[in-house]
Amino acid sequence: MPELATRALDNNVQLSGYDAAIDPSGNTYIGWITGKNKGREVHLCTLPIDATNCDGGIQTIDSLGDSSAEGLKILVSSAAEVTLVWFHNTTASTMGPQGGEIATATSDAGGPLNGPFDMASAPSFGSRLDARLGPGNAIWTVAGSPAGKSGVKVRTDVENPMNKVTALKTPYQVGSARLRFHGNDAVLAIQKDGAITVPVACRQHRGRRRARSTR
């Protein structure tokens, strides 16, 4: 087996999230959040097939959360529209339960990054548990509650300002969540934070109707 070539994209940094995704043409998009002297920043590297260097260099933008940006997710549509999604707190996080933000930045097939933009509120001192492209390429997000609290909050289109958040009750604090789709049906699976013996729970969303949770 041939030896794989490696390349350092960054060094001497503390990562607060990273992800990678591939578009239909085989281009790879690698993103990460780092904290340096200027606070946390979001980076994107576009690697065409067989490339060893980032096409156009590494793009870097502000994270909008100098000390709290985390949970980066890269979403790529069938048309190679790239969206970076992450969570950060704001000054409002200390004044109410919904002071966090889901932020995004976009790129057309690895072109210039547009953003960052705060798109939707999220639980104060919470987390981004998952983000996926749903029906019609709408961006769905799952946000976790702050430490010691149960429940998750789901948005079915963070780019739509009229889209309301759906609060789902859970019997425990959620440590991880996975959202998947089969056609227009969505299934959300969650796992108790810090547990390895508690069964995974799930909830199904069928169109405008929600099916009951199962365990």
N, C-alpha and C. Protein backbone atom coordinates (compact mmCIF):
# COMPACT_ATOMS: atom_id res chain seq x y z
N MET A 1 0.84 -1.19 0.00
CA MET A 1 0.00 0.00 0.00
C MET A 1 0.88 1.24 0.00
N PRO A 2 0.66 2.18 -0.94
CA PRO A 2 1.51 3.37 -1.01
C PRO A 2 1.36 4.23 0.23
N GLU A 3 2.44 4.90 0.59
CA GLU A 3 2.42 5.78 1.76
C GLU A 3 1.63 7.04 1.45
N LEU A 4 0.74 7.42 2.37
CA LEU A 4 -0.09 8.59 2.15
C LEU A 4 0.69 9.86 2.45
N ALA A 5 0.54 10.86 1.57
CA ALA A 5 1.18 12.14 1.80
C ALA A 5 0.39 12.94 2.82
N THR A 6 1.09 13.67 3.67
CA THR A 6 0.44 14.50 4.68
C THR A 6 0.88 15.95 4.51
N ARG A 7 0.01 16.86 4.95
CA ARG A 7 0.33 18.29 4.88
C ARG A 7 -0.28 18.98 6.08
N ALA A 8 0.51 19.80 6.76
CA ALA A 8 0.00 20.56 7.90
C ALA A 8 -0.73 21.79 7.40
N LEU A 9 -1.98 21.94 7.83
CA LEU A 9 -2.76 23.13 7.45
C LEU A 9 -2.62 24.25 8.48
N ASP A 10 -2.28 23.88 9.70
CA ASP A 10 -2.10 24.87 10.78
C ASP A 10 -1.23 24.25 11.84
N ASN A 11 -0.68 25.05 12.73
CA ASN A 11 0.15 24.50 13.79
C ASN A 11 0.16 25.44 14.99
N ASN A 12 0.48 24.87 16.14
CA ASN A 12 0.55 25.63 17.38
C ASN A 12 -0.74 26.37 17.69
N VAL A 13 -1.86 25.69 17.47
CA VAL A 13 -3.16 26.29 17.73
C VAL A 13 -4.02 25.32 18.54
N GLN A 14 -5.04 25.87 19.17
CA GLN A 14 -6.02 25.06 19.88
C GLN A 14 -7.28 25.00 19.04
N LEU A 15 -7.68 23.78 18.68
CA LEU A 15 -8.86 23.60 17.84
C LEU A 15 -10.13 23.64 18.68
N SER A 16 -11.15 24.33 18.15
CA SER A 16 -12.46 24.38 18.80
C SER A 16 -13.53 23.78 17.90
N GLY A 17 -13.11 23.02 16.92
CA GLY A 17 -14.03 22.37 16.00
C GLY A 17 -13.39 22.21 14.64
N TYR A 18 -13.72 21.13 13.97
CA TYR A 18 -13.21 20.91 12.61
C TYR A 18 -14.13 19.93 11.89
N ASP A 19 -14.09 19.95 10.56
CA ASP A 19 -14.92 19.06 9.77
C ASP A 19 -14.38 19.02 8.35
N ALA A 20 -14.85 18.05 7.57
CA ALA A 20 -14.47 17.94 6.17
C ALA A 20 -15.64 17.36 5.39
N ALA A 21 -15.76 17.74 4.13
CA ALA A 21 -16.84 17.25 3.28
C ALA A 21 -16.35 17.24 1.83
N ILE A 22 -17.01 16.44 1.00
CA ILE A 22 -16.63 16.29 -0.41
C ILE A 22 -17.84 16.61 -1.28
N ASP A 23 -17.61 17.35 -2.37
CA ASP A 23 -18.71 17.65 -3.29
C ASP A 23 -18.81 16.58 -4.38
N PRO A 24 -19.86 16.63 -5.22
CA PRO A 24 -20.04 15.58 -6.23
C PRO A 24 -18.88 15.45 -7.22
N SER A 25 -18.07 16.50 -7.38
CA SER A 25 -16.94 16.44 -8.31
C SER A 25 -15.67 15.89 -7.67
N GLY A 26 -15.73 15.63 -6.37
CA GLY A 26 -14.57 15.07 -5.68
C GLY A 26 -13.70 16.08 -4.98
N ASN A 27 -14.07 17.37 -5.02
CA ASN A 27 -13.31 18.38 -4.29
C ASN A 27 -13.57 18.22 -2.79
N THR A 28 -12.52 18.39 -2.00
CA THR A 28 -12.63 18.24 -0.54
C THR A 28 -12.56 19.61 0.12
N TYR A 29 -13.43 19.81 1.10
CA TYR A 29 -13.46 21.06 1.85
C TYR A 29 -13.15 20.75 3.31
N ILE A 30 -12.10 21.36 3.83
CA ILE A 30 -11.68 21.15 5.21
C ILE A 30 -11.82 22.46 5.96
N GLY A 31 -12.52 22.43 7.08
CA GLY A 31 -12.70 23.64 7.87
C GLY A 31 -12.30 23.40 9.31
N TRP A 32 -11.87 24.45 9.99
CA TRP A 32 -11.50 24.33 11.40
C TRP A 32 -11.61 25.70 12.08
N ILE A 33 -11.77 25.65 13.40
CA ILE A 33 -11.83 26.86 14.22
C ILE A 33 -10.63 26.86 15.16
N THR A 34 -9.89 27.96 15.17
CA THR A 34 -8.72 28.05 16.03
C THR A 34 -8.80 29.30 16.90
N GLY A 35 -8.07 29.25 18.00
CA GLY A 35 -7.97 30.42 18.86
C GLY A 35 -6.54 30.91 18.92
N LYS A 36 -6.32 32.13 18.48
CA LYS A 36 -4.99 32.73 18.54
C LYS A 36 -5.11 34.09 19.25
N ASN A 37 -4.16 34.96 19.01
CA ASN A 37 -4.14 36.26 19.69
C ASN A 37 -5.37 37.10 19.37
N LYS A 38 -5.92 36.95 18.17
CA LYS A 38 -7.08 37.75 17.77
C LYS A 38 -8.41 37.13 18.19
N GLY A 39 -8.36 36.03 18.91
CA GLY A 39 -9.59 35.33 19.23
C GLY A 39 -9.82 34.21 18.23
N ARG A 40 -10.94 33.54 18.34
CA ARG A 40 -11.21 32.39 17.49
C ARG A 40 -11.58 32.82 16.07
N GLU A 41 -11.02 32.08 15.10
CA GLU A 41 -11.27 32.34 13.69
C GLU A 41 -11.68 31.04 13.00
N VAL A 42 -12.37 31.20 11.87
CA VAL A 42 -12.84 30.07 11.08
C VAL A 42 -12.01 30.00 9.80
N HIS A 43 -11.56 28.80 9.46
CA HIS A 43 -10.70 28.62 8.29
C HIS A 43 -11.31 27.61 7.32
N LEU A 44 -11.03 27.80 6.03
CA LEU A 44 -11.49 26.86 5.00
C LEU A 44 -10.38 26.61 4.00
N CYS A 45 -10.13 25.33 3.74
CA CYS A 45 -9.18 24.91 2.71
C CYS A 45 -9.93 24.08 1.68
N THR A 46 -9.79 24.42 0.40
CA THR A 46 -10.41 23.67 -0.69
C THR A 46 -9.32 22.87 -1.41
N LEU A 47 -9.50 21.55 -1.45
CA LEU A 47 -8.53 20.67 -2.09
C LEU A 47 -9.17 19.99 -3.30
N PRO A 48 -8.83 20.43 -4.51
CA PRO A 48 -9.30 19.69 -5.69
C PRO A 48 -8.70 18.29 -5.71
N ILE A 49 -9.24 17.44 -6.56
CA ILE A 49 -8.73 16.07 -6.66
C ILE A 49 -7.24 16.08 -7.00
N ASP A 50 -6.48 15.27 -6.26
CA ASP A 50 -5.04 15.10 -6.44
C ASP A 50 -4.22 16.33 -6.07
N ALA A 51 -4.86 17.36 -5.52
CA ALA A 51 -4.12 18.56 -5.12
C ALA A 51 -3.41 18.32 -3.79
N THR A 52 -2.30 19.00 -3.60
CA THR A 52 -1.56 18.93 -2.34
C THR A 52 -1.58 20.26 -1.59
N ASN A 53 -2.10 21.29 -2.23
CA ASN A 53 -2.19 22.60 -1.60
C ASN A 53 -3.62 23.12 -1.71
N CYS A 54 -4.00 23.98 -0.77
CA CYS A 54 -5.33 24.57 -0.78
C CYS A 54 -5.49 25.49 -1.99
N ASP A 55 -6.54 25.26 -2.75
CA ASP A 55 -6.80 26.08 -3.93
C ASP A 55 -7.12 27.51 -3.50
N GLY A 56 -6.27 28.45 -3.90
CA GLY A 56 -6.45 29.84 -3.50
C GLY A 56 -5.95 30.15 -2.10
N GLY A 57 -5.28 29.18 -1.49
CA GLY A 57 -4.78 29.37 -0.14
C GLY A 57 -5.84 29.10 0.91
N ILE A 58 -5.50 29.24 2.17
CA ILE A 58 -6.43 29.04 3.27
C ILE A 58 -7.21 30.33 3.49
N GLN A 59 -8.53 30.22 3.47
CA GLN A 59 -9.37 31.38 3.73
C GLN A 59 -9.68 31.45 5.23
N THR A 60 -9.64 32.66 5.77
CA THR A 60 -9.87 32.86 7.20
C THR A 60 -10.84 34.01 7.42
N ILE A 61 -11.83 33.77 8.29
CA ILE A 61 -12.80 34.81 8.62
C ILE A 61 -12.99 34.84 10.14
N ASP A 62 -13.60 35.92 10.62
CA ASP A 62 -13.91 36.04 12.03
C ASP A 62 -14.98 35.03 12.41
N SER A 63 -14.97 34.58 13.66
CA SER A 63 -15.94 33.58 14.11
C SER A 63 -17.16 34.20 14.78
N LEU A 64 -17.10 35.50 15.09
CA LEU A 64 -18.15 36.23 15.81
C LEU A 64 -18.21 35.84 17.29
N GLY A 65 -17.41 34.88 17.69
CA GLY A 65 -17.36 34.46 19.09
C GLY A 65 -15.91 34.29 19.50
N ASP A 66 -15.28 35.36 19.96
CA ASP A 66 -13.83 35.35 20.20
C ASP A 66 -13.38 34.24 21.13
N SER A 67 -14.22 33.88 22.11
CA SER A 67 -13.81 32.84 23.07
C SER A 67 -14.79 31.69 23.15
N SER A 68 -15.82 31.68 22.29
CA SER A 68 -16.87 30.66 22.44
C SER A 68 -17.21 29.92 21.15
N ALA A 69 -16.71 30.34 20.00
CA ALA A 69 -17.07 29.68 18.74
C ALA A 69 -16.62 28.22 18.77
N GLU A 70 -17.51 27.31 18.40
CA GLU A 70 -17.19 25.88 18.42
C GLU A 70 -18.19 25.12 17.58
N GLY A 71 -17.91 23.81 17.41
CA GLY A 71 -18.87 22.92 16.75
C GLY A 71 -19.02 23.15 15.26
N LEU A 72 -17.92 23.26 14.53
CA LEU A 72 -18.00 23.54 13.09
C LEU A 72 -18.55 22.34 12.32
N LYS A 73 -19.42 22.61 11.37
CA LYS A 73 -19.96 21.60 10.45
C LYS A 73 -19.91 22.16 9.04
N ILE A 74 -19.47 21.34 8.07
CA ILE A 74 -19.45 21.75 6.67
C ILE A 74 -20.54 20.99 5.92
N LEU A 75 -21.40 21.73 5.25
CA LEU A 75 -22.49 21.16 4.45
C LEU A 75 -22.25 21.50 2.99
N VAL A 76 -22.38 20.51 2.11
CA VAL A 76 -22.16 20.72 0.67
C VAL A 76 -23.37 20.20 -0.10
N SER A 77 -23.96 21.06 -0.92
CA SER A 77 -25.12 20.66 -1.71
C SER A 77 -24.67 19.95 -2.98
N SER A 78 -25.63 19.40 -3.71
CA SER A 78 -25.31 18.72 -4.97
C SER A 78 -24.76 19.68 -6.02
N ALA A 79 -25.00 20.99 -5.84
CA ALA A 79 -24.48 22.00 -6.75
C ALA A 79 -23.16 22.60 -6.25
N ALA A 80 -22.54 21.95 -5.25
CA ALA A 80 -21.26 22.37 -4.68
C ALA A 80 -21.35 23.72 -3.98
N GLU A 81 -22.52 24.01 -3.42
CA GLU A 81 -22.65 25.18 -2.56
C GLU A 81 -22.22 24.78 -1.15
N VAL A 82 -21.20 25.43 -0.65
CA VAL A 82 -20.58 25.05 0.61
C VAL A 82 -21.05 26.00 1.71
N THR A 83 -21.52 25.43 2.83
CA THR A 83 -21.94 26.23 3.97
C THR A 83 -21.23 25.74 5.22
N LEU A 84 -20.58 26.65 5.92
CA LEU A 84 -19.96 26.36 7.21
C LEU A 84 -20.93 26.80 8.30
N VAL A 85 -21.18 25.93 9.26
CA VAL A 85 -22.13 26.21 10.34
C VAL A 85 -21.43 26.01 11.68
N TRP A 86 -21.62 26.94 12.62
CA TRP A 86 -21.03 26.77 13.94
C TRP A 86 -21.85 27.54 14.99
N PHE A 87 -21.50 27.33 16.25
CA PHE A 87 -22.20 27.94 17.38
C PHE A 87 -21.27 28.93 18.09
N HIS A 88 -21.87 29.99 18.64
CA HIS A 88 -21.10 30.86 19.53
C HIS A 88 -22.04 31.59 20.48
N ASN A 89 -21.49 32.03 21.61
CA ASN A 89 -22.26 32.82 22.56
C ASN A 89 -22.15 34.30 22.22
N THR A 90 -23.01 35.10 22.81
CA THR A 90 -23.00 36.55 22.65
C THR A 90 -23.13 37.19 24.02
N THR A 91 -23.10 38.52 24.06
CA THR A 91 -23.30 39.21 25.34
C THR A 91 -24.69 38.93 25.91
N ALA A 92 -25.63 38.58 25.04
CA ALA A 92 -26.99 38.26 25.50
C ALA A 92 -27.05 36.92 26.21
N SER A 93 -26.00 36.10 26.10
CA SER A 93 -26.01 34.79 26.73
C SER A 93 -26.07 34.89 28.24
N THR A 94 -25.58 35.98 28.80
CA THR A 94 -25.61 36.15 30.25
C THR A 94 -26.92 36.76 30.75
N MET A 95 -27.80 37.12 29.81
CA MET A 95 -29.03 37.83 30.19
C MET A 95 -30.30 37.04 29.90
N GLY A 96 -30.19 35.88 29.30
CA GLY A 96 -31.38 35.10 29.00
C GLY A 96 -31.04 33.73 28.48
N PRO A 97 -32.05 32.86 28.31
CA PRO A 97 -31.79 31.47 27.93
C PRO A 97 -31.51 31.24 26.45
N GLN A 98 -31.75 32.25 25.61
CA GLN A 98 -31.62 32.05 24.16
C GLN A 98 -30.68 33.11 23.58
N GLY A 99 -29.51 33.25 24.21
CA GLY A 99 -28.57 34.28 23.78
C GLY A 99 -27.45 33.81 22.90
N GLY A 100 -27.38 32.50 22.63
CA GLY A 100 -26.38 31.99 21.70
C GLY A 100 -26.80 32.21 20.27
N GLU A 101 -25.92 31.92 19.33
CA GLU A 101 -26.21 32.12 17.91
C GLU A 101 -25.67 30.96 17.09
N ILE A 102 -26.42 30.62 16.04
CA ILE A 102 -25.93 29.72 14.99
C ILE A 102 -25.44 30.62 13.86
N ALA A 103 -24.16 30.52 13.55
CA ALA A 103 -23.56 31.36 12.52
C ALA A 103 -23.22 30.53 11.29
N THR A 104 -23.17 31.19 10.14
CA THR A 104 -22.81 30.51 8.89
C THR A 104 -21.90 31.38 8.05
N ALA A 105 -21.22 30.72 7.13
CA ALA A 105 -20.48 31.37 6.06
C ALA A 105 -20.62 30.48 4.84
N THR A 106 -20.63 31.06 3.66
CA THR A 106 -20.89 30.28 2.45
C THR A 106 -19.80 30.50 1.40
N SER A 107 -19.68 29.50 0.54
CA SER A 107 -18.72 29.57 -0.57
C SER A 107 -19.29 28.80 -1.74
N ASP A 108 -19.10 29.32 -2.92
CA ASP A 108 -19.53 28.64 -4.14
C ASP A 108 -18.38 27.80 -4.66
N ALA A 109 -18.44 26.50 -4.37
CA ALA A 109 -17.44 25.54 -4.84
C ALA A 109 -16.02 25.93 -4.44
N GLY A 110 -15.87 26.46 -3.23
CA GLY A 110 -14.55 26.82 -2.75
C GLY A 110 -14.12 28.23 -3.10
N GLY A 111 -15.02 29.02 -3.69
CA GLY A 111 -14.73 30.41 -3.98
C GLY A 111 -14.65 31.23 -2.70
N PRO A 112 -14.60 32.56 -2.83
CA PRO A 112 -14.47 33.42 -1.64
C PRO A 112 -15.55 33.14 -0.61
N LEU A 113 -15.15 33.14 0.66
CA LEU A 113 -16.09 32.92 1.75
C LEU A 113 -16.93 34.18 1.97
N ASN A 114 -18.23 34.01 2.01
CA ASN A 114 -19.14 35.10 2.32
C ASN A 114 -19.61 34.95 3.76
N GLY A 115 -19.42 35.96 4.55
CA GLY A 115 -19.81 35.90 5.95
C GLY A 115 -18.65 36.34 6.82
N PRO A 116 -18.81 36.15 8.12
CA PRO A 116 -19.82 35.32 8.79
C PRO A 116 -21.13 36.07 9.03
N PHE A 117 -22.20 35.29 9.23
CA PHE A 117 -23.51 35.84 9.52
C PHE A 117 -24.16 35.07 10.67
N ASP A 118 -24.73 35.78 11.62
CA ASP A 118 -25.56 35.14 12.64
C ASP A 118 -26.93 34.89 12.03
N MET A 119 -27.36 33.62 12.00
CA MET A 119 -28.58 33.26 11.30
C MET A 119 -29.76 32.96 12.22
N ALA A 120 -29.50 32.43 13.41
CA ALA A 120 -30.61 32.04 14.30
C ALA A 120 -30.10 31.95 15.73
N SER A 121 -30.99 32.23 16.67
CA SER A 121 -30.62 32.15 18.08
C SER A 121 -30.49 30.70 18.51
N ALA A 122 -29.77 30.49 19.61
CA ALA A 122 -29.54 29.16 20.15
C ALA A 122 -29.44 29.27 21.67
N PRO A 123 -29.50 28.14 22.38
CA PRO A 123 -29.43 28.20 23.84
C PRO A 123 -28.14 28.86 24.33
N SER A 124 -28.27 29.74 25.31
CA SER A 124 -27.10 30.37 25.92
C SER A 124 -26.18 29.31 26.52
N PHE A 125 -24.89 29.40 26.22
CA PHE A 125 -23.88 28.47 26.72
C PHE A 125 -24.21 27.02 26.35
N GLY A 126 -24.88 26.85 25.20
CA GLY A 126 -25.22 25.53 24.70
C GLY A 126 -24.17 25.02 23.74
N SER A 127 -24.60 24.28 22.73
CA SER A 127 -23.67 23.71 21.77
C SER A 127 -24.40 23.36 20.48
N ARG A 128 -23.63 23.23 19.40
CA ARG A 128 -24.17 22.76 18.13
C ARG A 128 -23.96 21.26 18.08
N LEU A 129 -25.05 20.52 18.19
CA LEU A 129 -24.94 19.05 18.22
C LEU A 129 -24.90 18.45 16.83
N ASP A 130 -25.64 19.03 15.88
CA ASP A 130 -25.61 18.53 14.51
C ASP A 130 -26.19 19.59 13.58
N ALA A 131 -25.85 19.46 12.31
CA ALA A 131 -26.40 20.31 11.25
C ALA A 131 -26.42 19.48 9.98
N ARG A 132 -27.53 19.58 9.24
CA ARG A 132 -27.68 18.79 8.01
C ARG A 132 -28.47 19.58 6.99
N LEU A 133 -28.27 19.22 5.72
CA LEU A 133 -29.13 19.73 4.65
C LEU A 133 -30.36 18.86 4.57
N GLY A 134 -31.54 19.48 4.72
CA GLY A 134 -32.79 18.76 4.67
C GLY A 134 -33.47 18.93 3.33
N PRO A 135 -34.75 18.62 3.26
CA PRO A 135 -35.51 18.78 2.02
C PRO A 135 -35.39 20.21 1.48
N GLY A 136 -35.17 20.32 0.17
CA GLY A 136 -35.02 21.63 -0.45
C GLY A 136 -33.73 22.33 -0.08
N ASN A 137 -32.74 21.58 0.43
CA ASN A 137 -31.45 22.12 0.86
C ASN A 137 -31.58 23.11 2.02
N ALA A 138 -32.69 23.04 2.77
CA ALA A 138 -32.81 23.85 3.98
C ALA A 138 -31.84 23.34 5.03
N ILE A 139 -31.22 24.24 5.77
CA ILE A 139 -30.26 23.86 6.79
C ILE A 139 -30.98 23.61 8.11
N TRP A 140 -30.94 22.35 8.56
CA TRP A 140 -31.50 21.97 9.85
C TRP A 140 -30.37 21.96 10.87
N THR A 141 -30.65 22.43 12.08
CA THR A 141 -29.66 22.39 13.14
C THR A 141 -30.27 21.82 14.42
N VAL A 142 -29.42 21.19 15.20
CA VAL A 142 -29.81 20.68 16.52
C VAL A 142 -28.86 21.30 17.53
N ALA A 143 -29.42 22.05 18.48
CA ALA A 143 -28.61 22.73 19.49
C ALA A 143 -28.86 22.12 20.86
N GLY A 144 -27.78 21.91 21.61
CA GLY A 144 -27.89 21.33 22.93
C GLY A 144 -28.01 22.39 24.01
N SER A 145 -28.55 22.00 25.14
CA SER A 145 -28.72 22.90 26.28
C SER A 145 -27.41 23.06 27.04
N PRO A 146 -27.31 24.09 27.90
CA PRO A 146 -26.09 24.27 28.69
C PRO A 146 -25.90 23.14 29.69
N ALA A 147 -24.73 23.07 30.27
CA ALA A 147 -24.38 21.98 31.20
C ALA A 147 -25.40 21.87 32.32
N GLY A 148 -25.81 20.63 32.58
CA GLY A 148 -26.74 20.36 33.67
C GLY A 148 -28.20 20.45 33.30
N LYS A 149 -28.51 20.79 32.05
CA LYS A 149 -29.90 20.93 31.64
C LYS A 149 -30.23 19.98 30.49
N SER A 150 -31.47 19.52 30.45
CA SER A 150 -31.90 18.58 29.42
C SER A 150 -32.57 19.33 28.28
N GLY A 151 -32.89 18.59 27.22
CA GLY A 151 -33.61 19.17 26.08
C GLY A 151 -32.69 19.58 24.94
N VAL A 152 -33.26 19.57 23.73
CA VAL A 152 -32.56 20.06 22.55
C VAL A 152 -33.51 20.98 21.78
N LYS A 153 -32.95 21.83 20.94
CA LYS A 153 -33.75 22.74 20.14
C LYS A 153 -33.40 22.55 18.66
N VAL A 154 -34.44 22.35 17.87
CA VAL A 154 -34.27 22.02 16.45
C VAL A 154 -34.80 23.16 15.59
N ARG A 155 -34.03 23.54 14.60
CA ARG A 155 -34.50 24.48 13.58
C ARG A 155 -34.49 23.76 12.24
N THR A 156 -35.55 23.95 11.47
CA THR A 156 -35.68 23.26 10.19
C THR A 156 -35.28 24.13 9.00
N ASP A 157 -34.86 25.37 9.26
CA ASP A 157 -34.39 26.25 8.18
C ASP A 157 -33.79 27.49 8.82
N VAL A 158 -32.50 27.45 9.14
CA VAL A 158 -31.89 28.57 9.86
C VAL A 158 -31.80 29.83 9.01
N GLU A 159 -31.92 29.69 7.69
CA GLU A 159 -31.83 30.86 6.81
C GLU A 159 -33.17 31.58 6.66
N ASN A 160 -34.22 31.00 7.22
CA ASN A 160 -35.55 31.61 7.15
C ASN A 160 -35.84 32.31 8.47
N PRO A 161 -35.89 33.65 8.50
CA PRO A 161 -36.11 34.36 9.76
C PRO A 161 -37.47 34.08 10.38
N MET A 162 -38.41 33.56 9.60
CA MET A 162 -39.74 33.24 10.13
C MET A 162 -39.81 31.84 10.70
N ASN A 163 -38.74 31.07 10.51
CA ASN A 163 -38.73 29.69 11.01
C ASN A 163 -38.58 29.68 12.52
N LYS A 164 -39.50 29.01 13.20
CA LYS A 164 -39.47 28.97 14.66
C LYS A 164 -38.67 27.78 15.15
N VAL A 165 -38.12 27.93 16.34
CA VAL A 165 -37.36 26.85 16.95
C VAL A 165 -38.32 25.86 17.59
N THR A 166 -38.02 24.58 17.47
CA THR A 166 -38.81 23.52 18.10
C THR A 166 -38.03 22.97 19.29
N ALA A 167 -38.61 23.10 20.47
CA ALA A 167 -37.96 22.60 21.68
C ALA A 167 -38.44 21.18 21.96
N LEU A 168 -37.51 20.24 22.05
CA LEU A 168 -37.84 18.85 22.34
C LEU A 168 -37.36 18.51 23.75
N LYS A 169 -38.25 17.98 24.56
CA LYS A 169 -37.88 17.55 25.90
C LYS A 169 -37.14 16.22 25.84
N THR A 170 -36.12 16.08 26.67
CA THR A 170 -35.38 14.83 26.76
C THR A 170 -35.26 14.45 28.24
N PRO A 171 -35.10 13.16 28.54
CA PRO A 171 -35.04 12.73 29.94
C PRO A 171 -33.68 12.97 30.59
N TYR A 172 -32.73 13.53 29.84
CA TYR A 172 -31.38 13.74 30.35
C TYR A 172 -30.70 14.81 29.51
N GLN A 173 -29.53 15.24 29.97
CA GLN A 173 -28.73 16.15 29.17
C GLN A 173 -28.16 15.38 27.99
N VAL A 174 -28.28 15.94 26.81
CA VAL A 174 -27.85 15.27 25.58
C VAL A 174 -26.39 15.61 25.29
N GLY A 175 -25.59 14.56 25.07
CA GLY A 175 -24.19 14.77 24.76
C GLY A 175 -23.88 14.72 23.28
N SER A 176 -24.69 13.98 22.53
CA SER A 176 -24.49 13.89 21.08
C SER A 176 -25.83 13.66 20.40
N ALA A 177 -25.92 14.08 19.16
CA ALA A 177 -27.15 13.91 18.38
C ALA A 177 -26.79 13.73 16.92
N ARG A 178 -27.59 12.93 16.22
CA ARG A 178 -27.40 12.72 14.79
C ARG A 178 -28.74 12.86 14.09
N LEU A 179 -28.77 13.70 13.08
CA LEU A 179 -29.97 13.97 12.30
C LEU A 179 -29.79 13.40 10.90
N ARG A 180 -30.75 12.61 10.45
CA ARG A 180 -30.68 12.02 9.12
C ARG A 180 -32.04 12.12 8.44
N PHE A 181 -32.05 12.00 7.10
CA PHE A 181 -33.28 12.14 6.32
C PHE A 181 -33.48 10.95 5.39
N HIS A 182 -34.74 10.60 5.22
CA HIS A 182 -35.16 9.65 4.20
C HIS A 182 -36.29 10.33 3.45
N GLY A 183 -35.95 10.92 2.30
CA GLY A 183 -36.94 11.75 1.61
C GLY A 183 -37.24 12.98 2.45
N ASN A 184 -38.52 13.21 2.73
CA ASN A 184 -38.93 14.33 3.56
C ASN A 184 -39.02 13.98 5.04
N ASP A 185 -38.74 12.73 5.38
CA ASP A 185 -38.81 12.30 6.77
C ASP A 185 -37.47 12.51 7.46
N ALA A 186 -37.52 13.08 8.67
CA ALA A 186 -36.31 13.30 9.45
C ALA A 186 -36.32 12.42 10.69
N VAL A 187 -35.16 11.89 11.04
CA VAL A 187 -35.01 11.09 12.25
C VAL A 187 -33.87 11.68 13.07
N LEU A 188 -34.15 11.96 14.33
CA LEU A 188 -33.15 12.50 15.24
C LEU A 188 -32.83 11.46 16.31
N ALA A 189 -31.57 11.09 16.41
CA ALA A 189 -31.11 10.16 17.44
C ALA A 189 -30.24 10.92 18.43
N ILE A 190 -30.44 10.66 19.74
CA ILE A 190 -29.68 11.35 20.77
C ILE A 190 -29.07 10.34 21.73
N GLN A 191 -28.02 10.77 22.41
CA GLN A 191 -27.34 9.94 23.40
C GLN A 191 -27.12 10.77 24.66
N LYS A 192 -27.33 10.14 25.81
CA LYS A 192 -27.12 10.81 27.08
C LYS A 192 -25.66 11.22 27.23
N ASP A 193 -25.47 12.44 27.75
CA ASP A 193 -24.12 12.95 27.92
C ASP A 193 -23.35 12.11 28.95
N GLY A 194 -22.16 11.66 28.56
CA GLY A 194 -21.29 10.93 29.46
C GLY A 194 -21.67 9.50 29.71
N ALA A 195 -22.66 8.97 28.99
CA ALA A 195 -23.13 7.61 29.23
C ALA A 195 -22.70 6.68 28.11
N ILE A 196 -22.41 5.42 28.47
CA ILE A 196 -22.08 4.42 27.46
C ILE A 196 -23.03 3.23 27.53
N THR A 197 -23.92 3.20 28.54
CA THR A 197 -24.84 2.06 28.69
C THR A 197 -26.30 2.44 28.49
N VAL A 198 -26.59 3.73 28.33
CA VAL A 198 -27.98 4.16 28.13
C VAL A 198 -28.32 4.02 26.65
N PRO A 199 -29.42 3.35 26.29
CA PRO A 199 -29.77 3.17 24.88
C PRO A 199 -29.98 4.50 24.17
N VAL A 200 -29.68 4.52 22.88
CA VAL A 200 -29.94 5.70 22.07
C VAL A 200 -31.45 5.90 21.93
N ALA A 201 -31.90 7.15 22.03
CA ALA A 201 -33.31 7.48 21.82
C ALA A 201 -33.46 8.18 20.49
N CYS A 202 -34.64 8.07 19.89
CA CYS A 202 -34.83 8.71 18.59
C CYS A 202 -36.22 9.31 18.49
N ARG A 203 -36.36 10.24 17.56
CA ARG A 203 -37.64 10.85 17.27
C ARG A 203 -37.73 11.06 15.77
N GLN A 204 -38.90 10.78 15.22
CA GLN A 204 -39.11 10.88 13.77
C GLN A 204 -40.05 12.02 13.45
N HIS A 205 -39.72 12.74 12.38
CA HIS A 205 -40.55 13.84 11.91
C HIS A 205 -40.98 13.52 10.49
N ARG A 206 -42.29 13.37 10.28
CA ARG A 206 -42.81 13.04 8.95
C ARG A 206 -43.60 14.22 8.41
N GLY A 207 -42.95 14.93 7.48
CA GLY A 207 -43.61 16.10 6.91
C GLY A 207 -43.97 17.08 8.00
N ARG A 208 -45.26 17.39 8.14
CA ARG A 208 -45.72 18.31 9.18
C ARG A 208 -46.13 17.59 10.45
N ARG A 209 -46.05 16.25 10.44
CA ARG A 209 -46.43 15.49 11.63
C ARG A 209 -45.19 14.92 12.31
N ARG A 210 -45.25 14.85 13.61
CA ARG A 210 -44.13 14.30 14.35
C ARG A 210 -44.53 12.96 14.95
N ALA A 211 -43.72 11.96 14.74
CA ALA A 211 -43.98 10.67 15.35
C ALA A 211 -43.43 10.65 16.76
N ARG A 212 -43.93 9.78 17.61
CA ARG A 212 -43.49 9.75 18.99
C ARG A 212 -42.06 9.21 19.10
N SER A 213 -41.44 9.54 20.20
CA SER A 213 -40.09 9.07 20.45
C SER A 213 -40.10 7.59 20.79
N THR A 214 -39.01 6.91 20.45
CA THR A 214 -38.84 5.51 20.80
C THR A 214 -37.48 5.32 21.45
N ARG A 215 -37.36 4.23 22.22
CA ARG A 215 -36.07 3.95 22.86
C ARG A 215 -35.77 2.46 22.71
